[in-house]
PDB file of N, CA and C in Angstrom:
ATOM      1  N   UNK A   1      84.823  92.425 130.850  1.00  0.00           N
ATOM      2  CA  UNK A   1      86.164  92.090 131.288  1.00  0.00           C
ATOM      3  C   UNK A   1      87.145  93.073 130.658  1.00  0.00           C
ATOM      4  N   UNK A   2      87.988  93.678 131.473  1.00  0.00           N
ATOM      5  CA  UNK A   2      88.990  94.635 131.001  1.00  0.00           C
ATOM      6  C   UNK A   2      90.296  93.884 130.714  1.00  0.00           C
ATOM      7  N   UNK A   3      90.793  94.066 129.499  1.00  0.00           N
ATOM      8  CA  UNK A   3      92.066  93.459 129.095  1.00  0.00           C
ATOM      9  C   UNK A   3      92.887  94.516 128.361  1.00  0.00           C
ATOM     10  N   UNK A   4      94.113  94.196 128.063  1.00  0.00           N
ATOM     11  CA  UNK A   4      94.941  95.055 127.209  1.00  0.00           C
ATOM     12  C   UNK A   4      94.886  94.513 125.785  1.00  0.00           C
ATOM     13  N   UNK A   5      94.931  95.411 124.819  1.00  0.00           N
ATOM     14  CA  UNK A   5      94.895  95.003 123.419  1.00  0.00           C
ATOM     15  C   UNK A   5      95.977  93.962 123.134  1.00  0.00           C
ATOM     16  N   UNK A   6      97.141  94.111 123.746  1.00  0.00           N
ATOM     17  CA  UNK A   6      98.237  93.165 123.551  1.00  0.00           C
ATOM     18  C   UNK A   6      97.933  91.750 124.012  1.00  0.00           C
ATOM     19  N   UNK A   7      96.868  91.569 124.793  1.00  0.00           N
ATOM     20  CA  UNK A   7      96.464  90.231 125.215  1.00  0.00           C
ATOM     21  C   UNK A   7      95.753  89.467 124.098  1.00  0.00           C
ATOM     22  N   UNK A   8      95.198  90.197 123.120  1.00  0.00           N
ATOM     23  CA  UNK A   8      94.422  89.546 122.053  1.00  0.00           C
ATOM     24  C   UNK A   8      94.972  89.811 120.652  1.00  0.00           C
ATOM     25  N   UNK A   9      96.057  90.604 120.569  1.00  0.00           N
ATOM     26  CA  UNK A   9      96.591  90.965 119.247  1.00  0.00           C
ATOM     27  C   UNK A   9      98.061  91.330 119.343  1.00  0.00           C
ATOM     28  N   UNK A  10      98.729  91.247 118.200  1.00  0.00           N
ATOM     29  CA  UNK A  10     100.091  91.757 118.056  1.00  0.00           C
ATOM     30  C   UNK A  10     100.018  93.066 117.273  1.00  0.00           C
ATOM     31  N   UNK A  11     101.006  93.921 117.470  1.00  0.00           N
ATOM     32  CA  UNK A  11     101.035  95.193 116.747  1.00  0.00           C
ATOM     33  C   UNK A  11     102.391  95.410 116.091  1.00  0.00           C
ATOM     34  N   UNK A  12     102.363  96.225 115.061  1.00  0.00           N
ATOM     35  CA  UNK A  12     103.600  96.632 114.380  1.00  0.00           C
ATOM     36  C   UNK A  12     103.366  98.027 113.838  1.00  0.00           C
ATOM     37  N   UNK A  13     104.344  98.895 113.990  1.00  0.00           N
ATOM     38  CA  UNK A  13     104.150 100.279 113.553  1.00  0.00           C
ATOM     39  C   UNK A  13     105.400 100.834 112.885  1.00  0.00           C
ATOM     40  N   UNK A  14     105.187 101.912 112.161  1.00  0.00           N
ATOM     41  CA  UNK A  14     106.280 102.593 111.493  1.00  0.00           C
ATOM     42  C   UNK A  14     105.791 103.879 110.870  1.00  0.00           C
ATOM     43  N   UNK A  15     106.682 104.526 110.139  1.00  0.00           N
ATOM     44  CA  UNK A  15     106.349 105.841 109.594  1.00  0.00           C
ATOM     45  C   UNK A  15     106.057 105.787 108.107  1.00  0.00           C
ATOM     46  N   UNK A  16     105.267 106.734 107.690  1.00  0.00           N
ATOM     47  CA  UNK A  16     104.974 107.010 106.280  1.00  0.00           C
ATOM     48  C   UNK A  16     105.055 108.525 106.137  1.00  0.00           C
ATOM     49  N   UNK A  17     106.259 109.061 106.165  1.00  0.00           N
ATOM     50  CA  UNK A  17     106.433 110.513 106.153  1.00  0.00           C
ATOM     51  C   UNK A  17     105.997 111.084 107.487  1.00  0.00           C
ATOM     52  N   UNK A  18     105.048 112.007 107.452  1.00  0.00           N
ATOM     53  CA  UNK A  18     104.550 112.610 108.679  1.00  0.00           C
ATOM     54  C   UNK A  18     103.440 111.774 109.326  1.00  0.00           C
ATOM     55  N   UNK A  19     103.043 110.703 108.654  1.00  0.00           N
ATOM     56  CA  UNK A  19     101.989 109.829 109.166  1.00  0.00           C
ATOM     57  C   UNK A  19     102.608 108.570 109.771  1.00  0.00           C
ATOM     58  N   UNK A  20     101.865 107.953 110.679  1.00  0.00           N
ATOM     59  CA  UNK A  20     102.288 106.670 111.239  1.00  0.00           C
ATOM     60  C   UNK A  20     101.304 105.595 110.803  1.00  0.00           C
ATOM     61  N   UNK A  21     101.791 104.391 110.759  1.00  0.00           N
ATOM     62  CA  UNK A  21     101.019 103.225 110.356  1.00  0.00           C
ATOM     63  C   UNK A  21     101.092 102.220 111.503  1.00  0.00           C
ATOM     64  N   UNK A  22      99.919 101.777 111.997  1.00  0.00           N
ATOM     65  CA  UNK A  22      99.906 100.746 113.041  1.00  0.00           C
ATOM     66  C   UNK A  22      99.066  99.578 112.547  1.00  0.00           C
ATOM     67  N   UNK A  23      99.694  98.421 112.435  1.00  0.00           N
ATOM     68  CA  UNK A  23      98.987  97.197 112.106  1.00  0.00           C
ATOM     69  C   UNK A  23      98.664  96.445 113.382  1.00  0.00           C
ATOM     70  N   UNK A  24      97.430  95.954 113.489  1.00  0.00           N
ATOM     71  CA  UNK A  24      96.982  95.190 114.651  1.00  0.00           C
ATOM     72  C   UNK A  24      96.487  93.849 114.136  1.00  0.00           C
ATOM     73  N   UNK A  25      97.178  92.763 114.491  1.00  0.00           N
ATOM     74  CA  UNK A  25      96.861  91.433 114.001  1.00  0.00           C
ATOM     75  C   UNK A  25      96.295  90.618 115.169  1.00  0.00           C
ATOM     76  N   UNK A  26      95.050  90.202 115.043  1.00  0.00           N
ATOM     77  CA  UNK A  26      94.350  89.530 116.140  1.00  0.00           C
ATOM     78  C   UNK A  26      94.635  88.039 116.153  1.00  0.00           C
ATOM     79  N   UNK A  27      94.637  87.469 117.353  1.00  0.00           N
ATOM     80  CA  UNK A  27      94.941  86.050 117.540  1.00  0.00           C
ATOM     81  C   UNK A  27      93.793  85.143 117.133  1.00  0.00           C
ATOM     82  N   UNK A  28      92.551  85.641 117.259  1.00  0.00           N
ATOM     83  CA  UNK A  28      91.388  84.805 116.960  1.00  0.00           C
ATOM     84  C   UNK A  28      90.373  85.577 116.129  1.00  0.00           C
ATOM     85  N   UNK A  29      89.561  84.854 115.387  1.00  0.00           N
ATOM     86  CA  UNK A  29      88.483  85.455 114.609  1.00  0.00           C
ATOM     87  C   UNK A  29      87.492  86.170 115.528  1.00  0.00           C
ATOM     88  N   UNK A  30      87.215  85.588 116.669  1.00  0.00           N
ATOM     89  CA  UNK A  30      86.284  86.201 117.632  1.00  0.00           C
ATOM     90  C   UNK A  30      86.754  87.592 118.038  1.00  0.00           C
ATOM     91  N   UNK A  31      88.014  87.727 118.377  1.00  0.00           N
ATOM     92  CA  UNK A  31      88.533  89.029 118.793  1.00  0.00           C
ATOM     93  C   UNK A  31      88.621  90.002 117.613  1.00  0.00           C
ATOM     94  N   UNK A  32      88.934  89.495 116.438  1.00  0.00           N
ATOM     95  CA  UNK A  32      88.962  90.351 115.249  1.00  0.00           C
ATOM     96  C   UNK A  32      87.571  90.905 114.956  1.00  0.00           C
ATOM     97  N   UNK A  33      86.563  90.054 115.009  1.00  0.00           N
ATOM     98  CA  UNK A  33      85.185  90.510 114.760  1.00  0.00           C
ATOM     99  C   UNK A  33      84.761  91.536 115.808  1.00  0.00           C
ATOM    100  N   UNK A  34      85.154  91.327 117.065  1.00  0.00           N
ATOM    101  CA  UNK A  34      84.863  92.306 118.110  1.00  0.00           C
ATOM    102  C   UNK A  34      85.537  93.639 117.768  1.00  0.00           C
ATOM    103  N   UNK A  35      86.794  93.592 117.377  1.00  0.00           N
ATOM    104  CA  UNK A  35      87.545  94.810 117.084  1.00  0.00           C
ATOM    105  C   UNK A  35      86.969  95.565 115.888  1.00  0.00           C
ATOM    106  N   UNK A  36      86.507  94.844 114.870  1.00  0.00           N
ATOM    107  CA  UNK A  36      85.905  95.519 113.714  1.00  0.00           C
ATOM    108  C   UNK A  36      84.682  96.325 114.145  1.00  0.00           C
ATOM    109  N   UNK A  37      84.006  95.848 115.173  1.00  0.00           N
ATOM    110  CA  UNK A  37      82.821  96.536 115.673  1.00  0.00           C
ATOM    111  C   UNK A  37      83.169  97.718 116.574  1.00  0.00           C
ATOM    112  N   UNK A  38      84.181  97.554 117.414  1.00  0.00           N
ATOM    113  CA  UNK A  38      84.414  98.519 118.491  1.00  0.00           C
ATOM    114  C   UNK A  38      85.709  99.321 118.420  1.00  0.00           C
ATOM    115  N   UNK A  39      86.705  98.884 117.690  1.00  0.00           N
ATOM    116  CA  UNK A  39      87.988  99.599 117.649  1.00  0.00           C
ATOM    117  C   UNK A  39      87.974 100.563 116.462  1.00  0.00           C
ATOM    118  N   UNK A  40      87.336 101.687 116.669  1.00  0.00           N
ATOM    119  CA  UNK A  40      87.078 102.650 115.599  1.00  0.00           C
ATOM    120  C   UNK A  40      88.202 103.672 115.450  1.00  0.00           C
ATOM    121  N   UNK A  41      88.116 104.431 114.369  1.00  0.00           N
ATOM    122  CA  UNK A  41      89.058 105.528 114.138  1.00  0.00           C
ATOM    123  C   UNK A  41      89.014 106.531 115.290  1.00  0.00           C
ATOM    124  N   UNK A  42      87.814 106.837 115.785  1.00  0.00           N
ATOM    125  CA  UNK A  42      87.694 107.846 116.845  1.00  0.00           C
ATOM    126  C   UNK A  42      88.312 107.365 118.158  1.00  0.00           C
ATOM    127  N   UNK A  43      88.214 106.073 118.449  1.00  0.00           N
ATOM    128  CA  UNK A  43      88.840 105.545 119.670  1.00  0.00           C
ATOM    129  C   UNK A  43      90.363 105.657 119.572  1.00  0.00           C
ATOM    130  N   UNK A  44      90.915 105.328 118.410  1.00  0.00           N
ATOM    131  CA  UNK A  44      92.370 105.435 118.216  1.00  0.00           C
ATOM    132  C   UNK A  44      92.805 106.897 118.281  1.00  0.00           C
ATOM    133  N   UNK A  45      92.040 107.776 117.657  1.00  0.00           N
ATOM    134  CA  UNK A  45      92.380 109.208 117.679  1.00  0.00           C
ATOM    135  C   UNK A  45      92.341 109.747 119.110  1.00  0.00           C
ATOM    136  N   UNK A  46      91.350 109.348 119.884  1.00  0.00           N
ATOM    137  CA  UNK A  46      91.282 109.772 121.284  1.00  0.00           C
ATOM    138  C   UNK A  46      92.467 109.237 122.078  1.00  0.00           C
ATOM    139  N   UNK A  47      92.832 107.985 121.836  1.00  0.00           N
ATOM    140  CA  UNK A  47      93.932 107.357 122.573  1.00  0.00           C
ATOM    141  C   UNK A  47      95.260 108.082 122.315  1.00  0.00           C
ATOM    142  N   UNK A  48      95.460 108.517 121.085  1.00  0.00           N
ATOM    143  CA  UNK A  48      96.695 109.230 120.721  1.00  0.00           C
ATOM    144  C   UNK A  48      96.451 110.734 120.547  1.00  0.00           C
ATOM    145  N   UNK A  49      95.503 111.272 121.280  1.00  0.00           N
ATOM    146  CA  UNK A  49      95.081 112.665 121.076  1.00  0.00           C
ATOM    147  C   UNK A  49      96.203 113.688 121.252  1.00  0.00           C
ATOM    148  N   UNK A  50      97.201 113.366 122.027  1.00  0.00           N
ATOM    149  CA  UNK A  50      98.287 114.324 122.255  1.00  0.00           C
ATOM    150  C   UNK A  50      99.213 114.470 121.053  1.00  0.00           C
ATOM    151  N   UNK A  51      99.199 113.502 120.141  1.00  0.00           N
ATOM    152  CA  UNK A  51     100.135 113.600 119.013  1.00  0.00           C
ATOM    153  C   UNK A  51      99.468 113.690 117.645  1.00  0.00           C
ATOM    154  N   UNK A  52      98.241 113.200 117.506  1.00  0.00           N
ATOM    155  CA  UNK A  52      97.591 113.194 116.190  1.00  0.00           C
ATOM    156  C   UNK A  52      97.008 114.566 115.886  1.00  0.00           C
ATOM    157  N   UNK A  53      97.449 115.147 114.777  1.00  0.00           N
ATOM    158  CA  UNK A  53      96.928 116.447 114.343  1.00  0.00           C
ATOM    159  C   UNK A  53      95.940 116.290 113.187  1.00  0.00           C
ATOM    160  N   UNK A  54      95.921 115.139 112.556  1.00  0.00           N
ATOM    161  CA  UNK A  54      95.037 114.883 111.415  1.00  0.00           C
ATOM    162  C   UNK A  54      94.027 113.805 111.731  1.00  0.00           C
ATOM    163  N   UNK A  55      93.577 113.147 110.693  1.00  0.00           N
ATOM    164  CA  UNK A  55      92.577 112.093 110.819  1.00  0.00           C
ATOM    165  C   UNK A  55      93.233 110.747 111.120  1.00  0.00           C
ATOM    166  N   UNK A  56      92.400 109.786 111.469  1.00  0.00           N
ATOM    167  CA  UNK A  56      92.801 108.387 111.557  1.00  0.00           C
ATOM    168  C   UNK A  56      91.979 107.637 110.519  1.00  0.00           C
ATOM    169  N   UNK A  57      92.657 106.830 109.727  1.00  0.00           N
ATOM    170  CA  UNK A  57      91.998 106.025 108.694  1.00  0.00           C
ATOM    171  C   UNK A  57      92.188 104.560 109.062  1.00  0.00           C
ATOM    172  N   UNK A  58      91.114 103.776 108.985  1.00  0.00           N
ATOM    173  CA  UNK A  58      91.188 102.357 109.332  1.00  0.00           C
ATOM    174  C   UNK A  58      90.926 101.507 108.096  1.00  0.00           C
ATOM    175  N   UNK A  59      91.763 100.490 107.919  1.00  0.00           N
ATOM    176  CA  UNK A  59      91.575  99.499 106.863  1.00  0.00           C
ATOM    177  C   UNK A  59      91.382  98.139 107.506  1.00  0.00           C
ATOM    178  N   UNK A  60      90.460  97.351 106.954  1.00  0.00           N
ATOM    179  CA  UNK A  60      90.206  96.000 107.446  1.00  0.00           C
ATOM    180  C   UNK A  60      90.859  94.994 106.505  1.00  0.00           C
ATOM    181  N   UNK A  61      91.581  94.051 107.074  1.00  0.00           N
ATOM    182  CA  UNK A  61      92.240  93.001 106.307  1.00  0.00           C
ATOM    183  C   UNK A  61      91.706  91.658 106.805  1.00  0.00           C
ATOM    184  N   UNK A  62      90.516  91.313 106.338  1.00  0.00           N
ATOM    185  CA  UNK A  62      89.823  90.118 106.825  1.00  0.00           C
ATOM    186  C   UNK A  62      90.635  88.838 106.644  1.00  0.00           C
ATOM    187  N   UNK A  63      91.395  88.758 105.566  1.00  0.00           N
ATOM    188  CA  UNK A  63      92.123  87.522 105.269  1.00  0.00           C
ATOM    189  C   UNK A  63      93.246  87.215 106.264  1.00  0.00           C
ATOM    190  N   UNK A  64      93.706  88.228 106.997  1.00  0.00           N
ATOM    191  CA  UNK A  64      94.756  87.986 108.002  1.00  0.00           C
ATOM    192  C   UNK A  64      94.321  88.442 109.406  1.00  0.00           C
ATOM    193  N   UNK A  65      93.018  88.666 109.589  1.00  0.00           N
ATOM    194  CA  UNK A  65      92.460  89.070 110.889  1.00  0.00           C
ATOM    195  C   UNK A  65      93.159  90.309 111.436  1.00  0.00           C
ATOM    196  N   UNK A  66      93.292  91.325 110.594  1.00  0.00           N
ATOM    197  CA  UNK A  66      94.048  92.504 110.991  1.00  0.00           C
ATOM    198  C   UNK A  66      93.320  93.801 110.660  1.00  0.00           C
ATOM    199  N   UNK A  67      93.629  94.809 111.448  1.00  0.00           N
ATOM    200  CA  UNK A  67      93.217  96.183 111.171  1.00  0.00           C
ATOM    201  C   UNK A  67      94.485  96.994 110.990  1.00  0.00           C
ATOM    202  N   UNK A  68      94.443  97.921 110.063  1.00  0.00           N
ATOM    203  CA  UNK A  68      95.578  98.799 109.827  1.00  0.00           C
ATOM    204  C   UNK A  68      95.095 100.233 110.018  1.00  0.00           C
ATOM    205  N   UNK A  69      95.772 100.965 110.881  1.00  0.00           N
ATOM    206  CA  UNK A  69      95.407 102.344 111.168  1.00  0.00           C
ATOM    207  C   UNK A  69      96.493 103.279 110.657  1.00  0.00           C
ATOM    208  N   UNK A  70      96.073 104.304 109.936  1.00  0.00           N
ATOM    209  CA  UNK A  70      96.977 105.374 109.520  1.00  0.00           C
ATOM    210  C   UNK A  70      96.677 106.567 110.407  1.00  0.00           C
ATOM    211  N   UNK A  71      97.675 107.032 111.134  1.00  0.00           N
ATOM    212  CA  UNK A  71      97.548 108.189 112.009  1.00  0.00           C
ATOM    213  C   UNK A  71      98.144 109.376 111.265  1.00  0.00           C
ATOM    214  N   UNK A  72      97.284 110.196 110.714  1.00  0.00           N
ATOM    215  CA  UNK A  72      97.717 111.288 109.843  1.00  0.00           C
ATOM    216  C   UNK A  72      98.291 112.454 110.645  1.00  0.00           C
ATOM    217  N   UNK A  73      99.410 112.941 110.165  1.00  0.00           N
ATOM    218  CA  UNK A  73     100.080 114.116 110.712  1.00  0.00           C
ATOM    219  C   UNK A  73     100.347 113.987 112.213  1.00  0.00           C
ATOM    220  N   UNK A  74     101.081 112.958 112.573  1.00  0.00           N
ATOM    221  CA  UNK A  74     101.409 112.755 113.993  1.00  0.00           C
ATOM    222  C   UNK A  74     102.914 112.702 114.252  1.00  0.00           C
ATOM    223  N   UNK A  75     103.725 112.750 113.184  1.00  0.00           N
ATOM    224  CA  UNK A  75     105.175 112.584 113.371  1.00  0.00           C
ATOM    225  C   UNK A  75     105.977 113.853 113.086  1.00  0.00           C
ATOM    226  N   UNK A  76     105.288 114.971 112.998  1.00  0.00           N
ATOM    227  CA  UNK A  76     105.972 116.263 112.839  1.00  0.00           C
ATOM    228  C   UNK A  76     106.979 116.256 111.684  1.00  0.00           C
ATOM    229  N   UNK A  77     106.558 115.712 110.556  1.00  0.00           N
ATOM    230  CA  UNK A  77     107.419 115.692 109.384  1.00  0.00           C
ATOM    231  C   UNK A  77     108.109 114.371 109.133  1.00  0.00           C
ATOM    232  N   UNK A  78     108.200 113.501 110.121  1.00  0.00           N
ATOM    233  CA  UNK A  78     108.805 112.193 109.932  1.00  0.00           C
ATOM    234  C   UNK A  78     110.275 112.145 110.284  1.00  0.00           C
ATOM    235  N   UNK A  79     110.855 110.982 110.054  1.00  0.00           N
ATOM    236  CA  UNK A  79     112.214 110.663 110.484  1.00  0.00           C
ATOM    237  C   UNK A  79     113.298 111.611 110.052  1.00  0.00           C
ATOM    238  N   UNK A  80     113.225 112.118 108.842  1.00  0.00           N
ATOM    239  CA  UNK A  80     114.304 112.978 108.358  1.00  0.00           C
ATOM    240  C   UNK A  80     114.097 114.454 108.696  1.00  0.00           C
ATOM    241  N   UNK A  81     112.926 114.821 109.185  1.00  0.00           N
ATOM    242  CA  UNK A  81     112.638 116.227 109.480  1.00  0.00           C
ATOM    243  C   UNK A  81     112.421 116.525 110.954  1.00  0.00           C
ATOM    244  N   UNK A  82     111.902 115.579 111.687  1.00  0.00           N
ATOM    245  CA  UNK A  82     111.409 115.827 113.034  1.00  0.00           C
ATOM    246  C   UNK A  82     112.488 115.680 114.096  1.00  0.00           C
ATOM    247  N   UNK A  83     112.313 116.424 115.163  1.00  0.00           N
ATOM    248  CA  UNK A  83     113.162 116.272 116.342  1.00  0.00           C
ATOM    249  C   UNK A  83     112.433 115.507 117.451  1.00  0.00           C
ATOM    250  N   UNK A  84     111.298 114.905 117.104  1.00  0.00           N
ATOM    251  CA  UNK A  84     110.534 114.126 118.082  1.00  0.00           C
ATOM    252  C   UNK A  84     111.352 112.933 118.558  1.00  0.00           C
ATOM    253  N   UNK A  85     111.023 112.460 119.751  1.00  0.00           N
ATOM    254  CA  UNK A  85     111.692 111.299 120.331  1.00  0.00           C
ATOM    255  C   UNK A  85     111.570 110.066 119.444  1.00  0.00           C
ATOM    256  N   UNK A  86     110.367 109.833 118.908  1.00  0.00           N
ATOM    257  CA  UNK A  86     110.109 108.674 118.044  1.00  0.00           C
ATOM    258  C   UNK A  86     109.576 109.181 116.709  1.00  0.00           C
ATOM    259  N   UNK A  87     110.418 109.814 115.947  1.00  0.00           N
ATOM    260  CA  UNK A  87     110.007 110.435 114.686  1.00  0.00           C
ATOM    261  C   UNK A  87     109.623 109.428 113.612  1.00  0.00           C
ATOM    262  N   UNK A  88     109.879 108.154 113.834  1.00  0.00           N
ATOM    263  CA  UNK A  88     109.507 107.128 112.870  1.00  0.00           C
ATOM    264  C   UNK A  88     108.345 106.268 113.357  1.00  0.00           C
ATOM    265  N   UNK A  89     107.755 106.597 114.482  1.00  0.00           N
ATOM    266  CA  UNK A  89     106.560 105.914 114.956  1.00  0.00           C
ATOM    267  C   UNK A  89     106.755 104.470 115.371  1.00  0.00           C
ATOM    268  N   UNK A  90     107.987 104.062 115.643  1.00  0.00           N
ATOM    269  CA  UNK A  90     108.257 102.648 115.952  1.00  0.00           C
ATOM    270  C   UNK A  90     107.656 102.205 117.282  1.00  0.00           C
ATOM    271  N   UNK A  91     107.426 103.118 118.216  1.00  0.00           N
ATOM    272  CA  UNK A  91     106.893 102.729 119.525  1.00  0.00           C
ATOM    273  C   UNK A  91     105.370 102.827 119.606  1.00  0.00           C
ATOM    274  N   UNK A  92     104.725 103.343 118.575  1.00  0.00           N
ATOM    275  CA  UNK A  92     103.277 103.540 118.638  1.00  0.00           C
ATOM    276  C   UNK A  92     102.505 102.230 118.723  1.00  0.00           C
ATOM    277  N   UNK A  93     102.972 101.196 118.047  1.00  0.00           N
ATOM    278  CA  UNK A  93     102.330  99.893 118.138  1.00  0.00           C
ATOM    279  C   UNK A  93     102.387  99.345 119.556  1.00  0.00           C
ATOM    280  N   UNK A  94     103.528  99.494 120.192  1.00  0.00           N
ATOM    281  CA  UNK A  94     103.666  99.043 121.584  1.00  0.00           C
ATOM    282  C   UNK A  94     102.750  99.845 122.494  1.00  0.00           C
ATOM    283  N   UNK A  95     102.678 101.144 122.263  1.00  0.00           N
ATOM    284  CA  UNK A  95     101.783 101.985 123.066  1.00  0.00           C
ATOM    285  C   UNK A  95     100.328 101.559 122.893  1.00  0.00           C
ATOM    286  N   UNK A  96      99.938 101.253 121.658  1.00  0.00           N
ATOM    287  CA  UNK A  96      98.563 100.823 121.408  1.00  0.00           C
ATOM    288  C   UNK A  96      98.285  99.475 122.070  1.00  0.00           C
ATOM    289  N   UNK A  97      99.269  98.599 122.124  1.00  0.00           N
ATOM    290  CA  UNK A  97      99.055  97.288 122.742  1.00  0.00           C
ATOM    291  C   UNK A  97      98.765  97.404 124.237  1.00  0.00           C
ATOM    292  N   UNK A  98      99.082  98.545 124.834  1.00  0.00           N
ATOM    293  CA  UNK A  98      98.797  98.782 126.249  1.00  0.00           C
ATOM    294  C   UNK A  98      97.401  99.350 126.490  1.00  0.00           C
ATOM    295  N   UNK A  99      96.661  99.646 125.407  1.00  0.00           N
ATOM    296  CA  UNK A  99      95.307 100.186 125.545  1.00  0.00           C
ATOM    297  C   UNK A  99      94.413  99.196 126.274  1.00  0.00           C
ATOM    298  N   UNK A 100      93.694  99.680 127.277  1.00  0.00           N
ATOM    299  CA  UNK A 100      92.752  98.830 127.993  1.00  0.00           C
ATOM    300  C   UNK A 100      91.413  98.820 127.279  1.00  0.00           C
ATOM    301  N   UNK A 101      90.834  97.633 127.167  1.00  0.00           N
ATOM    302  CA  UNK A 101      89.578  97.441 126.447  1.00  0.00           C
ATOM    303  C   UNK A 101      88.605  96.664 127.309  1.00  0.00           C
ATOM    304  N   UNK A 102      87.323  96.988 127.153  1.00  0.00           N
ATOM    305  CA  UNK A 102      86.264  96.195 127.768  1.00  0.00           C
ATOM    306  C   UNK A 102      85.692  95.314 126.668  1.00  0.00           C
ATOM    307  N   UNK A 103      86.115  94.059 126.614  1.00  0.00           N
ATOM    308  CA  UNK A 103      85.718  93.201 125.492  1.00  0.00           C
ATOM    309  C   UNK A 103      84.299  92.652 125.653  1.00  0.00           C
ATOM    310  N   UNK A 104      83.627  92.972 126.737  1.00  0.00           N
ATOM    311  CA  UNK A 104      82.219  92.593 126.882  1.00  0.00           C
ATOM    312  C   UNK A 104      81.311  93.645 126.270  1.00  0.00           C
ATOM    313  N   UNK A 105      81.888  94.826 125.951  1.00  0.00           N
ATOM    314  CA  UNK A 105      81.083  95.937 125.437  1.00  0.00           C
ATOM    315  C   UNK A 105      80.809  95.872 123.975  1.00  0.00           C
TER     316      UNK A 105
END
């Protein structure tokens, strides 16, 4: 079944200098366990391939059913340096929530 990430989780994002931070908080343990298996750093890096110049680091927060992704070197210096449209990464969480997923996979 194909769904959007936003159907099973909430997201929040922001900047950490030239890096962005996206938190993904899942509605259910079932969906969180699925995401720990399938929502990898490489999938996130591919999804944001046009802006990420560095690595993606994933942290698991089991106690709140959340994954936290750091998108390294994607904000061209960050809010005080960049001329990018979203130099603080505030829209990246919303963009990720639109990702289509096959939750049967």
